[in-house]
Amino acid sequence: MKKIILISFLFISIFSTAQQNYIPTKENLEARKWFEEAKFGLFVHWGVYSVLGDGEWVMHQQNISVDEYEKLPGFFNPTGFDAEKWVLMAKDAGMKYITITSRHHDGFSMFDSNASDYNIVDKTPYGKDPLKMLAEACKKHNMKLFFYYSQLDWNRGDYFPRGRTGNGIEGREEGNWDDYIDFMKEQLTELLTNYGEIGGIWFDGEWDQMAWDGKRFGEKKQDFKLDEVYSLIHKLQPQALIGSNHHLAPNPGEDFQMFEKDLPGKSTKDFATSADDIGNLPFEVCETINGSWGFNLKDRKHKSEKELIQYLIKAAGYGSNLLLNVGPMPNGKIQEEHIKSLKKIGSWIRDNGQTIYNTKRGPIDPTDEIASTQNGKTVYIHTLDSNKLNYFIDGFDLSFKRLTYLNSNKKVSYKKTKKGLLLFLNEKEINSIDTILKMEL
């Protein structure tokens, strides 16, 4: 298998075409359409860092030396991991795909890799490949699988010159940047060869090699050879979607644009993608159930059912998917609090999924109080303030035949003016999370 992968890798490297002139294949365009309509996915941050219970950035934040950190795999034995349970949990929550960390910034691979023995099969008592099991369970239950892959590495010496993070970690060696790029391409070839059809690759870490002025990422200090890497992925699996969490406008060859803990254009974070950098690719927003991505033993910032469901609604109102994260424990199980949250979201989606799935951004600009989605000639208006009975939609001038409450099918009182549309909601129809109106154009 190693020889086959290496031959495939060399062949594709030699004959790859530059992604500067990237034209998506028919399969890729179909995958983009599916992605835009899916609306909801599960993000999984899981690695040996979970042993310390202090999030996925613990190596950097505590300046744990390379030698010290390399002891962690010896304690990582997730015998409670059950791929089928994970997939069925996501499916029950109404999710259509799973994105899991195959390798995070600590450089540890959560899959069987010939490119490096610093992986879960070779270095842990567990000795098995959870991504292989997850891929099989996803295929069985018709769930698409995406792989998160870090372009940043705090462990390898050939990630050099180093970037802005991890510089207090002792034991980091110096090496050749081109060797690091070759290593990444070999691992990506493994991920796209050994796990069946993949939904896509979710890159993160390019920002580590970018200038930062405190408000915006700027000039790249190192060349991640994106033309070569993206071409490799698209040649191995043309339908696989590429996204990168670099917080800037999409690079040539990318197939969707992601926004970390921030709705597109809202710019609530200092690293948020600016409105000027929003492209025309499918959108995805990623967010946590509590305050952490990786397992954090002391994180008590669990978002309420209302907060999570309304974030899904708001994301859809921006025409975006929501990728909602869980951080499994070192035993391979997902926190009970997260399971309960996902069950509540799933219950809401079973009743109201038609207003989210297969929709696009509606004609009403989203705010914290209102969002809209649209499917054909049907517009769904989500009113999100349970204390508010009257809404004014400034500038709304579309003609419509009917306006009803989704759940009761009763008529909604309204008044058209030259300036917009006034809605007068019935107190008896108010839902504490989301009062949904159905408008037929």
Protein backbone atom coordinates (compact mmCIF):
# COMPACT_ATOMS: atom_id res chain seq x y z
CA MET A 1 0.00 0.00 0.00
CA LYS A 2 2.84 2.42 0.82
CA LYS A 3 4.37 1.89 -2.65
CA ILE A 4 1.01 2.45 -4.35
CA ILE A 5 0.44 5.68 -2.41
CA LEU A 6 3.95 6.93 -3.19
CA ILE A 7 3.59 6.22 -6.93
CA SER A 8 0.19 7.93 -6.97
CA PHE A 9 1.63 10.88 -5.07
CA LEU A 10 4.57 11.29 -7.47
CA PHE A 11 2.35 10.95 -10.55
CA ILE A 12 -0.05 13.59 -9.36
CA SER A 13 2.72 15.93 -8.24
CA ILE A 14 4.37 15.80 -11.68
CA PHE A 15 1.24 16.17 -13.76
CA SER A 16 -0.84 18.48 -11.58
CA THR A 17 -2.16 21.70 -13.07
CA ALA A 18 -2.08 25.02 -11.27
CA GLN A 19 -5.22 25.90 -9.34
CA GLN A 20 -4.87 29.52 -10.40
CA ASN A 21 -6.92 28.46 -13.43
CA TYR A 22 -9.11 26.07 -11.47
CA ILE A 23 -12.36 25.09 -13.14
CA PRO A 24 -14.54 22.93 -10.84
CA THR A 25 -15.61 19.60 -12.28
CA LYS A 26 -19.26 18.59 -12.65
CA GLU A 27 -18.85 16.35 -9.59
CA ASN A 28 -17.44 19.26 -7.60
CA LEU A 29 -20.27 21.62 -8.57
CA GLU A 30 -22.80 18.95 -7.58
CA ALA A 31 -21.01 18.54 -4.25
CA ARG A 32 -21.14 22.30 -3.70
CA LYS A 33 -24.90 22.30 -4.31
CA TRP A 34 -25.34 19.43 -1.85
CA PHE A 35 -23.19 21.28 0.69
CA GLU A 36 -25.21 24.49 0.39
CA GLU A 37 -28.44 22.58 0.99
CA ALA A 38 -27.13 20.40 3.85
CA LYS A 39 -26.99 23.37 6.29
CA PHE A 40 -25.85 21.49 9.39
CA GLY A 41 -22.76 19.45 10.27
CA LEU A 42 -20.86 18.09 13.27
CA PHE A 43 -17.35 19.36 13.99
CA VAL A 44 -15.12 17.06 16.09
CA HIS A 45 -11.91 18.28 17.76
CA TRP A 46 -10.22 15.18 19.16
CA GLY A 47 -6.59 14.30 19.81
CA VAL A 48 -4.07 13.41 22.50
CA TYR A 49 -4.50 16.91 23.95
CA SER A 50 -7.80 15.65 25.42
CA VAL A 51 -5.74 13.74 28.02
CA LEU A 52 -4.85 17.07 29.67
CA GLY A 53 -8.45 18.36 29.54
CA ASP A 54 -7.38 21.90 28.65
CA GLY A 55 -8.29 22.32 25.00
CA GLU A 56 -6.51 21.67 21.72
CA TRP A 57 -4.06 24.62 22.13
CA VAL A 58 -2.63 23.32 25.41
CA MET A 59 0.84 22.61 23.95
CA HIS A 60 1.19 26.25 22.92
CA GLN A 61 -0.62 27.81 25.88
CA GLN A 62 1.38 25.91 28.52
CA ASN A 63 4.62 25.84 26.45
CA ILE A 64 4.90 22.09 26.86
CA SER A 65 8.19 20.90 25.39
CA VAL A 66 8.25 18.47 22.47
CA ASP A 67 9.72 15.70 24.66
CA GLU A 68 7.10 16.23 27.38
CA TYR A 69 4.20 16.38 24.93
CA GLU A 70 5.33 13.20 23.17
CA LYS A 71 4.56 11.32 26.39
CA LEU A 72 0.83 12.02 25.98
CA PRO A 73 0.12 9.35 23.33
CA GLY A 74 1.15 6.71 25.88
CA PHE A 75 -1.83 7.75 28.03
CA PHE A 76 -4.31 7.93 25.14
CA ASN A 77 -6.43 4.77 25.00
CA PRO A 78 -9.98 5.69 23.87
CA THR A 79 -11.62 2.30 24.43
CA GLY A 80 -15.02 4.03 24.75
CA PHE A 81 -14.91 5.28 21.15
CA ASP A 82 -17.88 4.01 19.12
CA ALA A 83 -17.98 5.36 15.56
CA GLU A 84 -21.53 4.16 14.97
CA LYS A 85 -22.81 5.94 18.08
CA TRP A 86 -21.14 9.16 16.94
CA VAL A 87 -22.70 8.98 13.49
CA LEU A 88 -26.17 8.11 14.79
CA MET A 89 -25.94 10.94 17.33
CA ALA A 90 -25.14 13.39 14.52
CA LYS A 91 -27.90 11.98 12.34
CA ASP A 92 -30.44 12.24 15.16
CA ALA A 93 -29.41 15.91 15.61
CA GLY A 94 -30.28 16.57 11.97
CA MET A 95 -26.68 16.86 10.82
CA LYS A 96 -25.73 15.88 7.28
CA TYR A 97 -21.94 15.63 7.56
CA ILE A 98 -19.07 15.25 10.02
CA THR A 99 -15.74 17.11 9.96
CA ILE A 100 -13.08 15.60 12.24
CA THR A 101 -9.53 16.62 13.09
CA SER A 102 -7.19 14.22 11.32
CA ARG A 103 -4.18 16.25 12.53
CA HIS A 104 -4.19 19.38 14.68
CA HIS A 105 -1.48 21.95 15.39
CA ASP A 106 0.28 19.61 17.85
CA GLY A 107 1.29 17.53 14.82
CA PHE A 108 -0.18 14.24 16.09
CA SER A 109 -2.02 12.25 13.40
CA MET A 110 -5.30 10.62 14.41
CA PHE A 111 -5.00 8.07 11.60
CA ASP A 112 -2.68 5.35 10.37
CA SER A 113 0.07 7.10 8.42
CA ASN A 114 3.16 5.83 6.62
CA ALA A 115 4.38 9.43 6.30
CA SER A 116 5.07 9.63 10.06
CA ASP A 117 4.96 7.19 12.98
CA TYR A 118 3.74 10.02 15.22
CA ASN A 119 0.19 8.71 14.92
CA ILE A 120 -2.53 6.96 16.91
CA VAL A 121 -1.78 3.47 15.55
CA ASP A 122 1.97 3.51 16.18
CA LYS A 123 2.21 5.59 19.37
CA THR A 124 -0.81 4.78 21.56
CA PRO A 125 -1.93 1.67 23.46
CA TYR A 126 -5.17 1.94 21.50
CA GLY A 127 -3.35 0.98 18.30
CA LYS A 128 -6.36 1.39 15.98
CA ASP A 129 -7.43 3.91 13.33
CA PRO A 130 -10.60 5.74 14.46
CA LEU A 131 -10.90 7.59 11.15
CA LYS A 132 -11.16 4.27 9.33
CA MET A 133 -13.98 3.19 11.66
CA LEU A 134 -15.69 6.55 11.33
CA ALA A 135 -15.45 6.44 7.53
CA GLU A 136 -17.10 3.01 7.50
CA ALA A 137 -19.90 4.14 9.85
CA CYS A 138 -20.49 7.30 7.79
CA LYS A 139 -20.79 5.26 4.60
CA LYS A 140 -23.21 2.85 6.27
CA HIS A 141 -25.49 5.67 7.44
CA ASN A 142 -25.18 7.99 4.42
CA MET A 143 -23.24 10.67 6.30
CA LYS A 144 -20.54 12.62 4.45
CA LEU A 145 -17.11 12.80 6.10
CA PHE A 146 -14.70 15.74 5.90
CA PHE A 147 -11.15 15.81 7.29
CA TYR A 148 -9.78 18.81 9.18
CA TYR A 149 -6.05 19.08 8.46
CA SER A 150 -3.65 21.51 10.13
CA GLN A 151 -1.11 23.28 7.93
CA LEU A 152 0.65 24.35 11.14
CA ASP A 153 2.81 21.95 13.18
CA TRP A 154 4.37 22.56 16.61
CA ASN A 155 6.17 19.19 16.55
CA ARG A 156 7.96 18.74 13.24
CA GLY A 157 11.36 20.36 12.68
CA ASP A 158 10.72 20.88 8.96
CA TYR A 159 7.89 23.31 9.75
CA PHE A 160 10.59 25.97 9.50
CA PRO A 161 11.00 28.91 9.50
CA ARG A 162 8.41 28.90 12.25
CA GLY A 163 5.37 31.14 12.37
CA ARG A 164 3.75 33.28 15.06
CA THR A 165 2.69 30.49 17.46
CA GLY A 166 4.43 27.80 19.47
CA ASN A 167 7.69 29.71 19.76
CA GLY A 168 7.94 29.09 23.51
CA ILE A 169 7.89 25.31 23.00
CA GLU A 170 11.29 23.81 23.79
CA GLY A 171 12.78 21.13 21.55
CA ARG A 172 11.46 22.38 18.23
CA GLU A 173 14.14 21.66 15.64
CA GLU A 174 15.01 23.35 12.36
CA GLY A 175 14.51 21.80 8.95
CA ASN A 176 13.55 22.30 5.32
CA TRP A 177 10.18 23.88 4.46
CA ASP A 178 9.90 21.98 1.17
CA ASP A 179 10.22 18.70 3.09
CA TYR A 180 7.27 19.78 5.22
CA ILE A 181 5.14 20.48 2.15
CA ASP A 182 6.05 17.04 0.76
CA PHE A 183 5.07 15.47 4.08
CA MET A 184 1.68 17.20 4.01
CA LYS A 185 1.06 16.10 0.44
CA GLU A 186 1.90 12.50 1.34
CA GLN A 187 -0.51 12.55 4.29
CA LEU A 188 -3.27 14.17 2.24
CA THR A 189 -2.76 11.46 -0.38
CA GLU A 190 -3.28 8.87 2.37
CA LEU A 191 -6.45 10.57 3.60
CA LEU A 192 -7.86 10.76 0.08
CA THR A 193 -6.84 7.22 -0.87
CA ASN A 194 -7.49 5.01 2.15
CA TYR A 195 -10.87 6.19 3.46
CA GLY A 196 -13.24 6.00 0.51
CA GLU A 197 -15.04 8.99 -0.93
CA ILE A 198 -14.42 12.08 1.21
CA GLY A 199 -16.63 15.16 1.43
CA GLY A 200 -13.65 17.47 1.56
CA ILE A 201 -10.59 18.85 3.33
CA TRP A 202 -10.91 21.55 6.01
CA PHE A 203 -7.58 23.38 6.26
CA ASP A 204 -6.48 25.47 9.23
CA GLY A 205 -3.24 27.19 10.18
CA GLU A 206 -2.20 29.21 7.14
CA TRP A 207 -2.65 32.32 9.31
CA ASP A 208 0.36 31.22 11.40
CA GLN A 209 2.61 32.34 8.54
CA MET A 210 0.79 35.62 7.87
CA ALA A 211 1.60 39.10 9.10
CA TRP A 212 -0.88 40.36 11.73
CA ASP A 213 -1.47 44.00 12.62
CA GLY A 214 -3.94 43.29 15.42
CA LYS A 215 -6.95 43.77 13.14
CA ARG A 216 -6.27 41.88 9.94
CA PHE A 217 -4.08 39.17 8.48
CA GLY A 218 -1.76 40.32 5.73
CA GLU A 219 1.24 39.21 3.71
CA LYS A 220 2.19 35.51 3.77
CA LYS A 221 5.68 34.79 5.06
CA GLN A 222 5.86 31.21 3.72
CA ASP A 223 4.54 29.54 0.58
CA PHE A 224 2.19 26.66 1.42
CA LYS A 225 2.29 25.61 -2.27
CA LEU A 226 -1.49 25.82 -2.46
CA ASP A 227 -1.48 25.33 -6.23
CA GLU A 228 0.22 21.96 -5.83
CA VAL A 229 -1.73 20.90 -2.74
CA TYR A 230 -5.16 21.88 -4.05
CA SER A 231 -4.44 20.31 -7.43
CA LEU A 232 -3.43 17.09 -5.69
CA ILE A 233 -6.73 16.96 -3.79
CA HIS A 234 -8.90 17.75 -6.79
CA LYS A 235 -7.15 15.14 -8.91
CA LEU A 236 -7.44 12.41 -6.29
CA GLN A 237 -11.09 13.16 -5.55
CA PRO A 238 -12.62 15.79 -7.89
CA GLN A 239 -15.80 16.05 -5.83
CA ALA A 240 -13.93 16.77 -2.59
CA LEU A 241 -14.52 20.33 -1.41
CA ILE A 242 -11.61 22.44 -0.18
CA GLY A 243 -11.98 25.15 2.44
CA SER A 244 -9.39 27.02 4.50
CA ASN A 245 -9.79 28.85 7.79
CA HIS A 246 -7.42 31.67 6.86
CA HIS A 247 -9.89 34.51 7.59
CA LEU A 248 -9.31 36.18 4.21
CA ALA A 249 -10.96 36.13 0.79
CA PRO A 250 -10.96 32.64 -0.79
CA ASN A 251 -7.80 31.49 -2.55
CA PRO A 252 -8.01 30.08 -6.10
CA GLY A 253 -8.96 26.41 -5.91
CA GLU A 254 -11.11 26.64 -2.76
CA ASP A 255 -14.69 25.42 -2.96
CA PHE A 256 -16.32 26.86 0.16
CA GLN A 257 -15.61 29.72 2.55
CA MET A 258 -15.64 29.30 6.32
CA PHE A 259 -16.15 31.74 9.18
CA GLU A 260 -14.88 30.87 12.68
CA LYS A 261 -17.27 31.71 15.55
CA ASP A 262 -18.66 34.54 13.46
CA LEU A 263 -21.58 34.97 11.06
CA PRO A 264 -20.48 36.13 7.58
CA GLY A 265 -19.67 39.83 7.70
CA LYS A 266 -20.62 40.33 11.37
CA SER A 267 -16.96 40.77 12.43
CA THR A 268 -17.56 40.08 16.12
CA LYS A 269 -14.02 38.63 16.53
CA ASP A 270 -10.72 40.41 16.00
CA PHE A 271 -9.71 37.69 13.50
CA ALA A 272 -13.07 37.71 11.70
CA THR A 273 -13.21 37.73 7.92
CA SER A 274 -14.10 41.26 6.83
CA ALA A 275 -17.18 41.97 4.73
CA ASP A 276 -14.86 42.97 1.87
CA ASP A 277 -13.37 39.45 1.82
CA ILE A 278 -16.65 37.56 1.53
CA GLY A 279 -16.69 35.66 -1.76
CA ASN A 280 -19.38 33.89 -3.76
CA LEU A 281 -18.62 30.33 -2.66
CA PRO A 282 -20.86 28.29 -0.32
CA PHE A 283 -20.57 29.47 3.31
CA GLU A 284 -19.95 27.60 6.54
CA VAL A 285 -19.89 28.99 10.09
CA CYS A 286 -18.22 26.93 12.83
CA GLU A 287 -19.11 27.31 16.50
CA THR A 288 -18.68 25.52 19.82
CA ILE A 289 -21.38 24.09 22.12
CA ASN A 290 -19.49 25.40 25.14
CA GLY A 291 -16.46 27.69 25.01
CA SER A 292 -13.81 25.22 23.81
CA TRP A 293 -13.03 23.25 20.67
CA GLY A 294 -11.04 20.42 22.28
CA PHE A 295 -12.11 18.74 25.53
CA ASN A 296 -11.81 21.16 28.42
CA LEU A 297 -12.57 19.72 31.83
CA LYS A 298 -13.33 23.10 33.43
CA ASP A 299 -15.35 24.67 30.60
CA ARG A 300 -18.82 25.47 32.01
CA LYS A 301 -19.86 27.89 29.24
CA HIS A 302 -22.47 25.57 27.76
CA LYS A 303 -24.81 27.40 25.40
CA SER A 304 -28.53 27.00 25.96
CA GLU A 305 -30.92 25.19 23.66
CA LYS A 306 -32.24 28.57 22.52
CA GLU A 307 -28.78 29.97 21.77
CA LEU A 308 -27.76 26.93 19.72
CA ILE A 309 -30.97 26.66 17.70
CA GLN A 310 -31.05 30.39 17.04
CA TYR A 311 -27.44 30.27 15.85
CA LEU A 312 -28.41 27.58 13.34
CA ILE A 313 -31.31 29.78 12.20
CA LYS A 314 -29.13 32.88 11.92
CA ALA A 315 -26.49 30.97 9.94
CA ALA A 316 -29.18 29.80 7.51
CA GLY A 317 -30.44 33.39 7.33
CA TYR A 318 -26.99 34.36 6.05
CA GLY A 319 -27.14 31.52 3.51
CA SER A 320 -24.59 29.55 5.53
CA ASN A 321 -24.17 26.09 7.01
CA LEU A 322 -23.50 25.67 10.71
CA LEU A 323 -20.68 23.31 11.75
CA LEU A 324 -21.29 22.71 15.47
CA ASN A 325 -18.40 21.34 17.50
CA VAL A 326 -18.00 18.66 20.14
CA GLY A 327 -14.74 17.86 21.95
CA PRO A 328 -14.72 14.15 22.87
CA MET A 329 -13.08 13.05 26.11
CA PRO A 330 -9.84 11.00 26.12
CA ASN A 331 -11.88 7.81 26.60
CA GLY A 332 -13.51 8.37 23.22
CA LYS A 333 -16.91 9.33 24.58
CA ILE A 334 -18.69 12.62 23.97
CA GLN A 335 -19.68 14.72 26.96
CA GLU A 336 -23.21 14.06 28.17
CA GLU A 337 -23.97 17.79 28.13
CA HIS A 338 -23.16 17.91 24.42
CA ILE A 339 -25.27 14.84 23.66
CA LYS A 340 -28.25 16.43 25.43
CA SER A 341 -27.79 19.68 23.49
CA LEU A 342 -27.69 17.83 20.17
CA LYS A 343 -30.84 15.87 21.05
CA LYS A 344 -32.71 19.13 21.69
CA ILE A 345 -31.58 20.58 18.37
CA GLY A 346 -32.63 17.36 16.61
CA SER A 347 -36.11 17.56 18.13
CA TRP A 348 -36.53 21.13 16.88
CA ILE A 349 -35.25 20.24 13.40
CA ARG A 350 -37.68 17.34 13.04
CA ASP A 351 -40.49 19.86 13.41
CA ASN A 352 -38.98 22.79 11.52
CA GLY A 353 -36.31 21.38 9.20
CA GLN A 354 -38.17 22.48 6.08
CA THR A 355 -37.27 26.08 6.99
CA ILE A 356 -33.54 25.26 7.10
CA TYR A 357 -32.64 22.43 4.71
CA ASN A 358 -32.48 23.11 0.96
CA THR A 359 -32.98 26.83 1.54
CA LYS A 360 -31.03 29.89 0.53
CA ARG A 361 -30.71 33.30 2.18
CA GLY A 362 -34.12 34.95 2.28
CA PRO A 363 -35.12 38.47 1.19
CA ILE A 364 -34.97 39.95 4.71
CA ASP A 365 -31.54 41.01 5.96
CA PRO A 366 -30.78 39.02 9.12
CA THR A 367 -30.47 40.68 12.53
CA ASP A 368 -30.40 39.39 16.10
CA GLU A 369 -34.21 39.59 16.08
CA ILE A 370 -35.18 38.24 12.68
CA ALA A 371 -33.89 35.99 9.89
CA SER A 372 -35.35 34.64 6.69
CA THR A 373 -34.76 31.62 4.48
CA GLN A 374 -36.25 30.80 1.10
CA ASN A 375 -37.06 27.68 -0.90
CA GLY A 376 -38.54 28.48 -4.30
CA LYS A 377 -41.52 30.79 -3.81
CA THR A 378 -41.78 30.08 -0.10
CA VAL A 379 -40.12 32.43 2.38
CA TYR A 380 -39.77 31.47 6.04
CA ILE A 381 -39.53 34.40 8.45
CA HIS A 382 -37.93 33.48 11.78
CA THR A 383 -38.81 35.94 14.57
CA LEU A 384 -36.40 35.37 17.43
CA ASP A 385 -37.39 37.80 20.21
CA SER A 386 -40.14 36.10 22.23
CA ASN A 387 -40.85 39.39 24.04
CA LYS A 388 -41.63 41.22 20.83
CA LEU A 389 -45.00 41.18 19.03
CA ASN A 390 -44.46 43.82 16.35
CA TYR A 391 -41.74 43.80 13.68
CA PHE A 392 -41.03 46.34 10.97
CA ILE A 393 -39.19 45.07 7.90
CA ASP A 394 -37.68 48.14 6.32
CA GLY A 395 -37.75 48.31 2.53
CA PHE A 396 -39.73 45.09 2.06
CA ASP A 397 -41.69 45.45 -1.20
CA LEU A 398 -42.22 41.88 -2.45
CA SER A 399 -45.71 40.79 -3.42
CA PHE A 400 -47.04 37.74 -1.63
CA LYS A 401 -50.27 35.71 -1.61
CA ARG A 402 -50.38 34.42 1.95
CA LEU A 403 -48.69 34.96 5.28
CA THR A 404 -49.35 32.36 7.98
CA TYR A 405 -47.88 30.91 11.15
CA LEU A 406 -45.99 27.77 10.16
CA ASN A 407 -47.22 25.60 13.02
CA SER A 408 -50.90 26.59 13.20
CA ASN A 409 -51.45 27.73 9.60
CA LYS A 410 -53.39 30.72 10.96
CA LYS A 411 -53.13 34.06 9.17
CA VAL A 412 -50.65 36.66 10.35
CA SER A 413 -51.80 40.26 10.73
CA TYR A 414 -49.69 42.71 8.73
CA LYS A 415 -49.70 46.11 7.09
CA LYS A 416 -47.84 47.20 3.97
CA THR A 417 -46.49 50.74 3.89
CA LYS A 418 -44.42 52.73 1.45
CA LYS A 419 -41.41 52.13 3.69
CA GLY A 420 -41.82 48.43 4.32
CA LEU A 421 -43.86 45.73 6.03
CA LEU A 422 -45.30 45.78 9.55
CA LEU A 423 -45.97 42.45 11.27
CA PHE A 424 -48.39 42.15 14.20
CA LEU A 425 -47.90 38.80 15.94
CA ASN A 426 -50.50 37.07 18.09
CA GLU A 427 -49.26 36.51 21.61
CA LYS A 428 -50.83 33.03 21.62
CA GLU A 429 -48.67 32.01 18.63
CA ILE A 430 -45.34 33.06 20.15
CA ASN A 431 -42.71 30.33 20.54
CA SER A 432 -40.01 30.94 23.13
CA ILE A 433 -37.24 29.97 20.69
CA ASP A 434 -38.51 30.85 17.22
CA THR A 435 -41.91 31.95 15.95
CA ILE A 436 -41.88 30.99 12.27
CA LEU A 437 -44.00 32.66 9.60
CA LYS A 438 -44.58 31.17 6.16
CA MET A 439 -44.87 33.58 3.25
CA GLU A 440 -46.00 32.39 -0.16
CA LEU A 441 -44.80 34.70 -2.94
